[in-house]
Amino acid sequence: MNLTKRLRVEPGTQVDLSKWDPDFTGGVKDREAAAKWVEKNQERMDELQALLYAESRRSLLIVLQAMDAGGKDGTIRQVMRGVNPQGCRVTSFKAPSLEELAHDYLWRIHQAVPRRGEIGIFNRSHYEDVLVVRVRKLAPRSVWSARFDEINRFEELLAGSDVHLVKIYLHISKDEQLRRLKERLDKPRKRWKITPEDFDNRRYWDDYMRAYEDVLTRCSTAHAPWYVIPANHKWFRNLAVSEIIVDVLARLNMKYPKPKFDRKAFKVE
């Protein structure tokens, strides 16, 4: 099964998240087989990252969005564990600082875009400005609704500069979120991650689903597609995300650059 095609939101598609099953596993039922598949993808990702870095002509930007406890941190930790940290940077976007609030909402985003030859990962992103800002009424509708087109133009600019975007929405159910939040309360090593706001946000679940549906519908484009990853099963989530990243990198048809000297004339003594 081609997971890249199956999970991509085709441009012009009206997204209804109730029709995307968060328990979907693409027919893959064996957790061990999935883990081996992920390992293969990680080996291939390592090869492709080396090519990306050596070529230094383009970059890859992975955007991760999800509800609280949706698995963004786990995806980064599990899927990207094989990449060379010299060529990969993770940026987590939390509430804007005073410095960031003094600029337009895309200012801090543009500064974190990966350089040529690098992989950048956004843990949350510019999409918070049409998600939480909308749901919690931090800006009027006239402000956040205009941002869909602004974001599309911004991403078109990035794509025109050889920044290849992979936008991933980790789709979990409301029941699965509650299970994970309770698990965080019960386990000391996870308890530090939880805040009362995580539970408070559950009151806005339906509002967030509508907001995400608008994001996926209006901002999945040919140059910056969205992928909806069924993420109730972490092992399938890791498989799907790794498969998409490898597929996108492989399609760049990268090559190692030729040396800038005459190799035949070069002697090692």
C-alpha atoms as a PDB file:
ATOM      1  CA  MET A   1       0.000   0.000   0.000  1.00  0.00           C
ATOM      2  CA  ASN A   2       1.277   3.465  -0.902  1.00  0.00           C
ATOM      3  CA  LEU A   3       0.874   5.257   2.416  1.00  0.00           C
ATOM      4  CA  THR A   4       2.089   8.557   1.002  1.00  0.00           C
ATOM      5  CA  LYS A   5      -0.760   8.656  -1.482  1.00  0.00           C
ATOM      6  CA  ARG A   6      -3.331   7.086   0.847  1.00  0.00           C
ATOM      7  CA  LEU A   7      -2.760   9.603   3.667  1.00  0.00           C
ATOM      8  CA  ARG A   8      -2.195  12.765   1.634  1.00  0.00           C
ATOM      9  CA  VAL A   9      -4.950  15.365   1.522  1.00  0.00           C
ATOM     10  CA  GLU A  10      -5.304  16.087  -2.164  1.00  0.00           C
ATOM     11  CA  PRO A  11      -5.651  19.810  -3.001  1.00  0.00           C
ATOM     12  CA  GLY A  12      -9.269  20.824  -3.286  1.00  0.00           C
ATOM     13  CA  THR A  13     -10.488  18.037  -0.991  1.00  0.00           C
ATOM     14  CA  GLN A  14     -13.116  18.957   1.602  1.00  0.00           C
ATOM     15  CA  VAL A  15     -11.847  17.271   4.759  1.00  0.00           C
ATOM     16  CA  ASP A  16     -14.225  15.674   7.250  1.00  0.00           C
ATOM     17  CA  LEU A  17     -12.121  14.226  10.069  1.00  0.00           C
ATOM     18  CA  SER A  18     -14.983  12.018  11.239  1.00  0.00           C
ATOM     19  CA  LYS A  19     -14.309   9.966   8.101  1.00  0.00           C
ATOM     20  CA  TRP A  20     -10.612   9.486   8.913  1.00  0.00           C
ATOM     21  CA  ASP A  21     -10.285   6.523  11.265  1.00  0.00           C
ATOM     22  CA  PRO A  22      -7.554   7.211  13.886  1.00  0.00           C
ATOM     23  CA  ASP A  23      -7.268   3.427  14.404  1.00  0.00           C
ATOM     24  CA  PHE A  24      -6.457   2.771  10.729  1.00  0.00           C
ATOM     25  CA  THR A  25      -3.312   0.697  10.211  1.00  0.00           C
ATOM     26  CA  GLY A  26      -3.354   0.141   6.470  1.00  0.00           C
ATOM     27  CA  GLY A  27      -3.691  -3.608   6.859  1.00  0.00           C
ATOM     28  CA  VAL A  28      -0.453  -3.790   8.883  1.00  0.00           C
ATOM     29  CA  LYS A  29      -1.295  -5.815  11.976  1.00  0.00           C
ATOM     30  CA  ASP A  30       2.085  -7.077  13.124  1.00  0.00           C
ATOM     31  CA  ARG A  31       3.796  -4.577  15.435  1.00  0.00           C
ATOM     32  CA  GLU A  32       7.152  -6.322  15.019  1.00  0.00           C
ATOM     33  CA  ALA A  33       6.931  -6.226  11.228  1.00  0.00           C
ATOM     34  CA  ALA A  34       6.090  -2.533  11.413  1.00  0.00           C
ATOM     35  CA  ALA A  35       9.129  -1.917  13.625  1.00  0.00           C
ATOM     36  CA  LYS A  36      11.404  -3.622  11.091  1.00  0.00           C
ATOM     37  CA  TRP A  37       9.851  -1.516   8.338  1.00  0.00           C
ATOM     38  CA  VAL A  38      10.575   1.624  10.350  1.00  0.00           C
ATOM     39  CA  GLU A  39      14.199   0.520  10.844  1.00  0.00           C
ATOM     40  CA  LYS A  40      14.593   0.108   7.067  1.00  0.00           C
ATOM     41  CA  ASN A  41      13.138   3.545   6.527  1.00  0.00           C
ATOM     42  CA  GLN A  42      15.505   5.019   9.095  1.00  0.00           C
ATOM     43  CA  GLU A  43      18.492   3.480   7.314  1.00  0.00           C
ATOM     44  CA  ARG A  44      17.265   4.922   4.018  1.00  0.00           C
ATOM     45  CA  MET A  45      16.582   8.264   5.676  1.00  0.00           C
ATOM     46  CA  ASP A  46      20.186   8.370   6.880  1.00  0.00           C
ATOM     47  CA  GLU A  47      21.408   7.828   3.298  1.00  0.00           C
ATOM     48  CA  LEU A  48      19.074  10.471   1.906  1.00  0.00           C
ATOM     49  CA  GLN A  49      19.948  13.000   4.576  1.00  0.00           C
ATOM     50  CA  ALA A  50      23.623  12.605   3.698  1.00  0.00           C
ATOM     51  CA  LEU A  51      22.751  13.349   0.070  1.00  0.00           C
ATOM     52  CA  LEU A  52      20.651  16.361   1.067  1.00  0.00           C
ATOM     53  CA  TYR A  53      23.494  17.733   3.173  1.00  0.00           C
ATOM     54  CA  ALA A  54      26.171  17.099   0.527  1.00  0.00           C
ATOM     55  CA  GLU A  55      24.131  18.615  -2.287  1.00  0.00           C
ATOM     56  CA  SER A  56      23.216  21.642  -0.171  1.00  0.00           C
ATOM     57  CA  ARG A  57      20.713  22.827  -2.809  1.00  0.00           C
ATOM     58  CA  ARG A  58      17.438  22.370  -0.966  1.00  0.00           C
ATOM     59  CA  SER A  59      15.990  21.623   2.446  1.00  0.00           C
ATOM     60  CA  LEU A  60      13.196  19.611   4.016  1.00  0.00           C
ATOM     61  CA  LEU A  61      10.720  21.140   6.463  1.00  0.00           C
ATOM     62  CA  ILE A  62       8.536  18.765   8.467  1.00  0.00           C
ATOM     63  CA  VAL A  63       5.574  20.441  10.171  1.00  0.00           C
ATOM     64  CA  LEU A  64       3.963  18.476  13.013  1.00  0.00           C
ATOM     65  CA  GLN A  65       0.543  19.390  14.372  1.00  0.00           C
ATOM     66  CA  ALA A  66      -1.709  17.483  16.769  1.00  0.00           C
ATOM     67  CA  MET A  67      -4.009  17.855  19.708  1.00  0.00           C
ATOM     68  CA  ASP A  68      -2.477  17.689  23.207  1.00  0.00           C
ATOM     69  CA  ALA A  69      -0.948  14.220  23.769  1.00  0.00           C
ATOM     70  CA  GLY A  70      -1.223  13.591  20.031  1.00  0.00           C
ATOM     71  CA  GLY A  71       2.337  12.253  19.811  1.00  0.00           C
ATOM     72  CA  LYS A  72       4.464  15.042  18.326  1.00  0.00           C
ATOM     73  CA  ASP A  73       7.370  14.525  20.735  1.00  0.00           C
ATOM     74  CA  GLY A  74       7.206  10.750  20.393  1.00  0.00           C
ATOM     75  CA  THR A  75       7.172  10.971  16.600  1.00  0.00           C
ATOM     76  CA  ILE A  76      10.299  13.129  16.582  1.00  0.00           C
ATOM     77  CA  ARG A  77      12.061  10.875  19.075  1.00  0.00           C
ATOM     78  CA  GLN A  78      11.132   7.563  17.434  1.00  0.00           C
ATOM     79  CA  VAL A  79      11.142   8.363  13.713  1.00  0.00           C
ATOM     80  CA  MET A  80      14.079  10.752  13.521  1.00  0.00           C
ATOM     81  CA  ARG A  81      16.445   8.876  15.827  1.00  0.00           C
ATOM     82  CA  GLY A  82      18.690   7.830  12.930  1.00  0.00           C
ATOM     83  CA  VAL A  83      19.359  11.225  11.369  1.00  0.00           C
ATOM     84  CA  ASN A  84      22.610  13.118  11.813  1.00  0.00           C
ATOM     85  CA  PRO A  85      21.956  15.899  14.368  1.00  0.00           C
ATOM     86  CA  GLN A  86      24.457  18.129  12.539  1.00  0.00           C
ATOM     87  CA  GLY A  87      21.956  18.503   9.720  1.00  0.00           C
ATOM     88  CA  CYS A  88      18.673  18.513  11.617  1.00  0.00           C
ATOM     89  CA  ARG A  89      17.068  21.099  13.874  1.00  0.00           C
ATOM     90  CA  VAL A  90      13.842  20.912  15.888  1.00  0.00           C
ATOM     91  CA  THR A  91      11.957  24.093  16.752  1.00  0.00           C
ATOM     92  CA  SER A  92       9.093  24.058  19.244  1.00  0.00           C
ATOM     93  CA  PHE A  93       6.670  26.952  18.938  1.00  0.00           C
ATOM     94  CA  LYS A  94       5.068  27.845  22.235  1.00  0.00           C
ATOM     95  CA  ALA A  95       3.243  31.049  23.238  1.00  0.00           C
ATOM     96  CA  PRO A  96       4.946  33.991  21.474  1.00  0.00           C
ATOM     97  CA  SER A  97       7.504  36.007  23.439  1.00  0.00           C
ATOM     98  CA  LEU A  98       7.315  39.785  23.757  1.00  0.00           C
ATOM     99  CA  GLU A  99       9.919  40.052  21.007  1.00  0.00           C
ATOM    100  CA  GLU A 100       7.895  37.814  18.714  1.00  0.00           C
ATOM    101  CA  LEU A 101       4.657  39.658  19.466  1.00  0.00           C
ATOM    102  CA  ALA A 102       6.354  42.855  18.326  1.00  0.00           C
ATOM    103  CA  HIS A 103       6.529  41.401  14.790  1.00  0.00           C
ATOM    104  CA  ASP A 104       4.064  39.779  12.406  1.00  0.00           C
ATOM    105  CA  TYR A 105       3.041  36.210  13.267  1.00  0.00           C
ATOM    106  CA  LEU A 106       5.199  34.663  10.524  1.00  0.00           C
ATOM    107  CA  TRP A 107       8.395  36.437  11.610  1.00  0.00           C
ATOM    108  CA  ARG A 108       9.473  33.795  14.122  1.00  0.00           C
ATOM    109  CA  ILE A 109       8.514  31.029  11.712  1.00  0.00           C
ATOM    110  CA  HIS A 110      10.644  32.314   8.848  1.00  0.00           C
ATOM    111  CA  GLN A 111      13.681  32.556  11.109  1.00  0.00           C
ATOM    112  CA  ALA A 112      13.431  28.850  11.915  1.00  0.00           C
ATOM    113  CA  VAL A 113      13.146  27.613   8.307  1.00  0.00           C
ATOM    114  CA  PRO A 114      15.980  25.138   7.632  1.00  0.00           C
ATOM    115  CA  ARG A 115      18.968  26.199   5.579  1.00  0.00           C
ATOM    116  CA  ARG A 116      19.822  24.439   2.330  1.00  0.00           C
ATOM    117  CA  GLY A 117      21.074  20.957   3.036  1.00  0.00           C
ATOM    118  CA  GLU A 118      19.231  20.654   6.329  1.00  0.00           C
ATOM    119  CA  ILE A 119      16.093  19.063   7.753  1.00  0.00           C
ATOM    120  CA  GLY A 120      13.929  21.263   9.936  1.00  0.00           C
ATOM    121  CA  ILE A 121      11.174  19.974  12.195  1.00  0.00           C
ATOM    122  CA  PHE A 122       8.460  22.229  13.588  1.00  0.00           C
ATOM    123  CA  ASN A 123       6.799  20.993  16.781  1.00  0.00           C
ATOM    124  CA  ARG A 124       3.651  23.085  16.330  1.00  0.00           C
ATOM    125  CA  SER A 125       3.970  25.874  13.813  1.00  0.00           C
ATOM    126  CA  HIS A 126       2.451  28.900  12.095  1.00  0.00           C
ATOM    127  CA  TYR A 127      -0.803  26.948  12.015  1.00  0.00           C
ATOM    128  CA  GLU A 128      -1.354  27.731  15.688  1.00  0.00           C
ATOM    129  CA  ASP A 129      -2.382  31.165  14.425  1.00  0.00           C
ATOM    130  CA  VAL A 130      -5.437  29.669  12.729  1.00  0.00           C
ATOM    131  CA  LEU A 131      -6.051  27.011  15.397  1.00  0.00           C
ATOM    132  CA  VAL A 132      -5.661  28.070  19.033  1.00  0.00           C
ATOM    133  CA  VAL A 133      -6.007  31.732  18.076  1.00  0.00           C
ATOM    134  CA  ARG A 134      -9.341  30.903  16.468  1.00  0.00           C
ATOM    135  CA  VAL A 135     -10.686  28.464  19.045  1.00  0.00           C
ATOM    136  CA  ARG A 136      -9.740  30.516  22.102  1.00  0.00           C
ATOM    137  CA  LYS A 137     -10.814  33.758  20.390  1.00  0.00           C
ATOM    138  CA  LEU A 138      -7.420  35.438  20.736  1.00  0.00           C
ATOM    139  CA  ALA A 139      -8.084  37.388  17.531  1.00  0.00           C
ATOM    140  CA  PRO A 140     -11.258  38.343  15.640  1.00  0.00           C
ATOM    141  CA  ARG A 141     -12.465  36.215  12.740  1.00  0.00           C
ATOM    142  CA  SER A 142     -11.468  38.914  10.244  1.00  0.00           C
ATOM    143  CA  VAL A 143      -7.844  38.485  11.384  1.00  0.00           C
ATOM    144  CA  TRP A 144      -7.422  34.715  11.565  1.00  0.00           C
ATOM    145  CA  SER A 145      -9.542  33.971   8.480  1.00  0.00           C
ATOM    146  CA  ALA A 146      -7.215  36.089   6.332  1.00  0.00           C
ATOM    147  CA  ARG A 147      -4.266  33.994   7.465  1.00  0.00           C
ATOM    148  CA  PHE A 148      -5.156  30.935   5.390  1.00  0.00           C
ATOM    149  CA  ASP A 149      -4.264  32.747   2.175  1.00  0.00           C
ATOM    150  CA  GLU A 150      -1.252  34.411   3.831  1.00  0.00           C
ATOM    151  CA  ILE A 151       0.080  31.025   4.946  1.00  0.00           C
ATOM    152  CA  ASN A 152      -0.435  29.551   1.477  1.00  0.00           C
ATOM    153  CA  ARG A 153       1.529  32.409  -0.072  1.00  0.00           C
ATOM    154  CA  PHE A 154       4.262  32.049   2.549  1.00  0.00           C
ATOM    155  CA  GLU A 155       4.602  28.328   1.859  1.00  0.00           C
ATOM    156  CA  GLU A 156       4.611  28.973  -1.876  1.00  0.00           C
ATOM    157  CA  LEU A 157       7.532  31.336  -1.299  1.00  0.00           C
ATOM    158  CA  LEU A 158       9.375  28.630   0.643  1.00  0.00           C
ATOM    159  CA  ALA A 159       8.687  26.001  -2.017  1.00  0.00           C
ATOM    160  CA  GLY A 160       9.982  28.384  -4.684  1.00  0.00           C
ATOM    161  CA  SER A 161      13.206  28.588  -2.676  1.00  0.00           C
ATOM    162  CA  ASP A 162      13.595  24.782  -2.677  1.00  0.00           C
ATOM    163  CA  VAL A 163      12.213  24.236   0.809  1.00  0.00           C
ATOM    164  CA  HIS A 164      10.213  21.007   0.516  1.00  0.00           C
ATOM    165  CA  LEU A 165       7.358  20.933   3.005  1.00  0.00           C
ATOM    166  CA  VAL A 166       5.839  17.847   4.586  1.00  0.00           C
ATOM    167  CA  LYS A 167       2.922  18.813   6.827  1.00  0.00           C
ATOM    168  CA  ILE A 168       1.722  16.104   9.178  1.00  0.00           C
ATOM    169  CA  TYR A 169      -1.398  16.100  11.313  1.00  0.00           C
ATOM    170  CA  LEU A 170      -1.377  13.316  13.900  1.00  0.00           C
ATOM    171  CA  HIS A 171      -5.005  12.258  14.214  1.00  0.00           C
ATOM    172  CA  ILE A 172      -6.044  10.681  17.521  1.00  0.00           C
ATOM    173  CA  SER A 173      -9.494  10.105  18.982  1.00  0.00           C
ATOM    174  CA  LYS A 174     -10.857  11.984  21.967  1.00  0.00           C
ATOM    175  CA  ASP A 175     -10.933   8.756  23.988  1.00  0.00           C
ATOM    176  CA  GLU A 176      -7.307   7.990  23.141  1.00  0.00           C
ATOM    177  CA  GLN A 177      -6.295  11.483  24.183  1.00  0.00           C
ATOM    178  CA  LEU A 178      -7.975  11.005  27.567  1.00  0.00           C
ATOM    179  CA  ARG A 179      -6.203   7.670  28.039  1.00  0.00           C
ATOM    180  CA  ARG A 180      -2.830   9.277  27.334  1.00  0.00           C
ATOM    181  CA  LEU A 181      -3.488  12.258  29.593  1.00  0.00           C
ATOM    182  CA  LYS A 182      -4.439   9.905  32.454  1.00  0.00           C
ATOM    183  CA  GLU A 183      -1.283   7.881  31.801  1.00  0.00           C
ATOM    184  CA  ARG A 184       0.758  11.052  32.145  1.00  0.00           C
ATOM    185  CA  LEU A 185      -0.841  11.712  35.513  1.00  0.00           C
ATOM    186  CA  ASP A 186      -0.068   8.195  36.684  1.00  0.00           C
ATOM    187  CA  LYS A 187       3.575   8.025  35.585  1.00  0.00           C
ATOM    188  CA  PRO A 188       6.127  10.307  37.310  1.00  0.00           C
ATOM    189  CA  ARG A 189       8.395  10.384  34.272  1.00  0.00           C
ATOM    190  CA  LYS A 190       5.511  11.750  32.184  1.00  0.00           C
ATOM    191  CA  ARG A 191       3.708  13.846  34.791  1.00  0.00           C
ATOM    192  CA  TRP A 192       5.902  16.882  34.195  1.00  0.00           C
ATOM    193  CA  LYS A 193       4.497  17.216  30.663  1.00  0.00           C
ATOM    194  CA  ILE A 194       0.895  17.739  31.710  1.00  0.00           C
ATOM    195  CA  THR A 195      -0.839  20.981  32.635  1.00  0.00           C
ATOM    196  CA  PRO A 196      -4.418  21.792  33.719  1.00  0.00           C
ATOM    197  CA  GLU A 197      -4.802  23.512  30.352  1.00  0.00           C
ATOM    198  CA  ASP A 198      -4.476  20.133  28.607  1.00  0.00           C
ATOM    199  CA  PHE A 199      -7.696  18.987  30.273  1.00  0.00           C
ATOM    200  CA  ASP A 200      -9.357  22.367  29.819  1.00  0.00           C
ATOM    201  CA  ASN A 201      -8.684  22.223  26.069  1.00  0.00           C
ATOM    202  CA  ARG A 202     -10.774  19.046  25.862  1.00  0.00           C
ATOM    203  CA  ARG A 203     -13.871  21.218  26.311  1.00  0.00           C
ATOM    204  CA  TYR A 204     -13.034  22.702  22.900  1.00  0.00           C
ATOM    205  CA  TRP A 205     -12.447  19.396  21.118  1.00  0.00           C
ATOM    206  CA  ASP A 206     -15.207  19.879  18.526  1.00  0.00           C
ATOM    207  CA  ASP A 207     -14.082  23.457  17.867  1.00  0.00           C
ATOM    208  CA  TYR A 208     -10.526  22.258  17.290  1.00  0.00           C
ATOM    209  CA  MET A 209     -11.728  19.529  14.922  1.00  0.00           C
ATOM    210  CA  ARG A 210     -13.572  22.135  12.833  1.00  0.00           C
ATOM    211  CA  ALA A 211     -10.497  24.368  12.864  1.00  0.00           C
ATOM    212  CA  TYR A 212      -8.257  21.493  11.754  1.00  0.00           C
ATOM    213  CA  GLU A 213     -10.696  20.563   9.006  1.00  0.00           C
ATOM    214  CA  ASP A 214     -10.456  24.103   7.640  1.00  0.00           C
ATOM    215  CA  VAL A 215      -6.641  23.992   7.831  1.00  0.00           C
ATOM    216  CA  LEU A 216      -6.469  20.665   6.006  1.00  0.00           C
ATOM    217  CA  THR A 217      -9.036  21.744   3.421  1.00  0.00           C
ATOM    218  CA  ARG A 218      -7.712  25.209   2.684  1.00  0.00           C
ATOM    219  CA  CYS A 219      -3.966  24.715   3.085  1.00  0.00           C
ATOM    220  CA  SER A 220      -3.169  21.387   1.449  1.00  0.00           C
ATOM    221  CA  THR A 221      -1.562  22.447  -1.807  1.00  0.00           C
ATOM    222  CA  ALA A 222       0.534  20.845  -4.529  1.00  0.00           C
ATOM    223  CA  HIS A 223       3.674  22.510  -3.187  1.00  0.00           C
ATOM    224  CA  ALA A 224       2.871  21.942   0.513  1.00  0.00           C
ATOM    225  CA  PRO A 225       0.500  18.991   1.047  1.00  0.00           C
ATOM    226  CA  TRP A 226      -0.980  17.896   4.346  1.00  0.00           C
ATOM    227  CA  TYR A 227      -0.930  14.266   5.484  1.00  0.00           C
ATOM    228  CA  VAL A 228      -3.464  12.946   8.003  1.00  0.00           C
ATOM    229  CA  ILE A 229      -1.749  10.221  10.032  1.00  0.00           C
ATOM    230  CA  PRO A 230      -3.994   7.854  12.021  1.00  0.00           C
ATOM    231  CA  ALA A 231      -2.130   8.006  15.327  1.00  0.00           C
ATOM    232  CA  ASN A 232      -4.041   6.007  17.935  1.00  0.00           C
ATOM    233  CA  HIS A 233      -1.470   3.248  17.362  1.00  0.00           C
ATOM    234  CA  LYS A 234       1.984   4.708  17.864  1.00  0.00           C
ATOM    235  CA  TRP A 235       3.695   1.900  15.953  1.00  0.00           C
ATOM    236  CA  PHE A 236       1.635   2.646  12.838  1.00  0.00           C
ATOM    237  CA  ARG A 237       2.138   6.384  13.284  1.00  0.00           C
ATOM    238  CA  ASN A 238       5.909   5.873  13.232  1.00  0.00           C
ATOM    239  CA  LEU A 239       5.671   3.650  10.173  1.00  0.00           C
ATOM    240  CA  ALA A 240       3.486   6.084   8.215  1.00  0.00           C
ATOM    241  CA  VAL A 241       5.556   9.173   9.043  1.00  0.00           C
ATOM    242  CA  SER A 242       8.871   7.472   8.243  1.00  0.00           C
ATOM    243  CA  GLU A 243       7.462   6.139   4.962  1.00  0.00           C
ATOM    244  CA  ILE A 244       6.292   9.605   3.877  1.00  0.00           C
ATOM    245  CA  ILE A 245       9.582  11.307   4.743  1.00  0.00           C
ATOM    246  CA  VAL A 246      11.608   8.705   2.857  1.00  0.00           C
ATOM    247  CA  ASP A 247       9.283   8.900  -0.134  1.00  0.00           C
ATOM    248  CA  VAL A 248       9.493  12.694  -0.330  1.00  0.00           C
ATOM    249  CA  LEU A 249      13.286  12.731  -0.010  1.00  0.00           C
ATOM    250  CA  ALA A 250      13.744   9.928  -2.563  1.00  0.00           C
ATOM    251  CA  ARG A 251      11.670  11.782  -5.141  1.00  0.00           C
ATOM    252  CA  LEU A 252      14.135  14.683  -5.050  1.00  0.00           C
ATOM    253  CA  ASN A 253      16.555  12.533  -7.118  1.00  0.00           C
ATOM    254  CA  MET A 254      19.569  13.954  -5.315  1.00  0.00           C
ATOM    255  CA  LYS A 255      23.160  13.280  -6.323  1.00  0.00           C
ATOM    256  CA  TYR A 256      26.480  13.776  -4.631  1.00  0.00           C
ATOM    257  CA  PRO A 257      28.259  16.842  -6.058  1.00  0.00           C
ATOM    258  CA  LYS A 258      31.354  16.311  -8.170  1.00  0.00           C
ATOM    259  CA  PRO A 259      34.691  17.200  -6.532  1.00  0.00           C
ATOM    260  CA  LYS A 260      36.062  20.643  -7.325  1.00  0.00           C
ATOM    261  CA  PHE A 261      39.445  19.285  -8.295  1.00  0.00           C
ATOM    262  CA  ASP A 262      40.894  16.857 -10.822  1.00  0.00           C
ATOM    263  CA  ARG A 263      40.824  13.587  -8.915  1.00  0.00           C
ATOM    264  CA  LYS A 264      43.292  11.929 -11.322  1.00  0.00           C
ATOM    265  CA  ALA A 265      45.830  14.644 -10.728  1.00  0.00           C
ATOM    266  CA  PHE A 266      45.447  14.469  -6.977  1.00  0.00           C
ATOM    267  CA  LYS A 267      48.064  12.358  -5.205  1.00  0.00           C
ATOM    268  CA  VAL A 268      48.158  11.303  -1.586  1.00  0.00           C
ATOM    269  CA  GLU A 269      51.706  10.895  -0.274  1.00  0.00           C
END
